[in-house]
Amino acid sequence: MSARGNARAVVDRARPSLWRCRFECSTELENLYDWYKSYMSNLSVSEARERLADVIDQARRQHEPVYLHRRGKRLAAVIDAEDLDRLIELAEDAIDIAEARTALEAEGESISWDEVRADLGL
């Protein structure tokens, strides 16, 4: 194969959608990808330890957690830090909304803004 042919093969591998269109094995590739994804999404702790960099890269790249288990029990998950920050923020927002609804529904005497300012010395 010529240098030009090698370069084309590299470009084709870099763009999987074009590669699948050129070759008739797209179903096999998709099955292989699904197997790899399911394999990487659930790893034993010892497997994750051996391939920690790959596990972290997958969690960051695919924005899906990789679950770690020991003896069939799920122990932990590797998740992208930005995804975790978003999840925490969403959980805090949900708590704030629930507390605000509870406060609005609570029966009780209303306090006017003037009274609040006076109590705070404003």
Protein backbone atom coordinates (compact mmCIF):
# COMPACT_ATOMS: atom_id res chain seq x y z
CA MET A 1 0.00 0.00 0.00
CA SER A 2 1.30 3.44 -0.87
CA ALA A 3 1.89 6.25 1.63
CA ARG A 4 -1.21 7.93 0.27
CA GLY A 5 -3.22 4.74 0.89
CA ASN A 6 -1.89 4.53 4.46
CA ALA A 7 -2.84 8.16 5.09
CA ARG A 8 -6.33 7.49 3.78
CA ALA A 9 -6.67 4.46 6.06
CA VAL A 10 -5.63 6.59 9.06
CA VAL A 11 -8.15 9.29 8.16
CA ASP A 12 -10.85 6.64 7.73
CA ARG A 13 -10.15 5.22 11.19
CA ALA A 14 -10.20 8.72 12.67
CA ARG A 15 -13.70 9.24 11.28
CA PRO A 16 -15.67 6.11 12.23
CA SER A 17 -18.85 7.20 10.44
CA LEU A 18 -17.04 7.36 7.10
CA TRP A 19 -15.21 4.15 7.88
CA ARG A 20 -18.50 2.35 8.53
CA CYS A 21 -19.92 3.67 5.27
CA ARG A 22 -16.95 2.40 3.26
CA PHE A 23 -16.94 -1.07 4.75
CA GLU A 24 -19.81 -3.47 5.15
CA CYS A 25 -19.07 -4.40 8.76
CA SER A 26 -20.89 -1.57 10.53
CA THR A 27 -23.12 -4.00 12.43
CA GLU A 28 -20.11 -5.89 13.75
CA LEU A 29 -18.44 -2.63 14.78
CA GLU A 30 -21.57 -1.45 16.56
CA ASN A 31 -21.82 -4.76 18.41
CA LEU A 32 -18.17 -4.51 19.38
CA TYR A 33 -18.69 -0.93 20.58
CA ASP A 34 -21.75 -1.95 22.62
CA TRP A 35 -19.79 -4.79 24.21
CA TYR A 36 -16.87 -2.47 25.00
CA LYS A 37 -19.20 0.17 26.44
CA SER A 38 -20.97 -2.33 28.69
CA TYR A 39 -17.62 -3.82 29.70
CA MET A 40 -16.19 -0.40 30.57
CA SER A 41 -19.35 0.74 32.38
CA ASN A 42 -19.06 -2.05 34.97
CA LEU A 43 -15.60 -3.00 36.14
CA SER A 44 -14.23 -4.81 39.12
CA VAL A 45 -12.07 -2.72 41.40
CA SER A 46 -8.97 -4.70 40.40
CA GLU A 47 -9.68 -4.19 36.67
CA ALA A 48 -10.18 -0.46 37.23
CA ARG A 49 -6.93 -0.27 39.18
CA GLU A 50 -5.06 -1.85 36.26
CA ARG A 51 -6.58 0.56 33.72
CA LEU A 52 -7.32 3.64 35.82
CA ALA A 53 -6.31 6.15 33.14
CA ASP A 54 -8.65 4.49 30.59
CA VAL A 55 -11.50 4.43 33.11
CA ILE A 56 -11.09 8.15 33.86
CA ASP A 57 -10.83 9.02 30.17
CA GLN A 58 -14.01 7.09 29.39
CA ALA A 59 -15.97 8.79 32.17
CA ARG A 60 -14.82 12.22 30.99
CA ARG A 61 -15.28 11.55 27.27
CA GLN A 62 -18.67 9.82 27.36
CA HIS A 63 -20.13 11.71 30.33
CA GLU A 64 -21.41 8.43 31.75
CA PRO A 65 -20.36 6.93 35.07
CA VAL A 66 -18.18 3.84 35.21
CA TYR A 67 -19.33 1.65 38.10
CA LEU A 68 -16.81 -0.27 40.16
CA HIS A 69 -17.82 -3.45 41.90
CA ARG A 70 -16.35 -6.09 44.17
CA ARG A 71 -17.84 -9.57 44.45
CA GLY A 72 -20.86 -8.48 42.44
CA LYS A 73 -21.70 -5.54 44.71
CA ARG A 74 -21.50 -2.01 43.30
CA LEU A 75 -19.12 0.02 45.47
CA ALA A 76 -18.30 3.26 43.69
CA ALA A 77 -18.50 5.16 40.42
CA VAL A 78 -16.01 7.18 38.42
CA ILE A 79 -17.77 10.25 37.04
CA ASP A 80 -16.63 13.37 35.21
CA ALA A 81 -16.03 16.19 37.71
CA GLU A 82 -18.12 18.69 35.74
CA ASP A 83 -21.01 16.20 35.58
CA LEU A 84 -20.77 15.73 39.34
CA ASP A 85 -20.82 19.50 39.91
CA ARG A 86 -23.94 19.76 37.74
CA LEU A 87 -25.63 16.93 39.64
CA ILE A 88 -24.85 18.53 42.99
CA GLU A 89 -26.14 21.90 41.77
CA LEU A 90 -29.36 20.30 40.49
CA ALA A 91 -29.88 18.49 43.80
CA GLU A 92 -29.32 21.70 45.77
CA ASP A 93 -31.74 23.56 43.48
CA ALA A 94 -34.37 20.84 43.97
CA ILE A 95 -33.99 21.10 47.75
CA ASP A 96 -34.30 24.91 47.61
CA ILE A 97 -37.43 24.66 45.46
CA ALA A 98 -39.01 22.11 47.80
CA GLU A 99 -38.24 24.28 50.85
CA ALA A 100 -39.66 27.36 49.11
CA ARG A 101 -42.86 25.51 48.23
CA THR A 102 -43.19 24.30 51.81
CA ALA A 103 -42.70 27.83 53.11
CA LEU A 104 -45.31 29.22 50.70
CA GLU A 105 -47.82 26.54 51.66
CA ALA A 106 -47.24 26.91 55.39
CA GLU A 107 -50.04 28.57 57.18
CA GLY A 108 -49.08 31.47 59.30
CA GLU A 109 -49.12 35.15 59.71
CA SER A 110 -47.55 37.19 56.94
CA ILE A 111 -45.01 39.83 57.86
CA SER A 112 -44.94 43.01 55.86
CA TRP A 113 -41.74 44.27 54.28
CA ASP A 114 -41.82 47.34 56.49
CA GLU A 115 -41.80 45.13 59.60
CA VAL A 116 -38.88 43.09 58.27
CA ARG A 117 -36.87 46.27 57.56
CA ALA A 118 -37.65 47.62 61.00
CA ASP A 119 -36.60 44.33 62.66
CA LEU A 120 -33.31 44.35 60.73
CA GLY A 121 -32.69 48.02 61.36
CA LEU A 122 -32.71 48.95 57.70
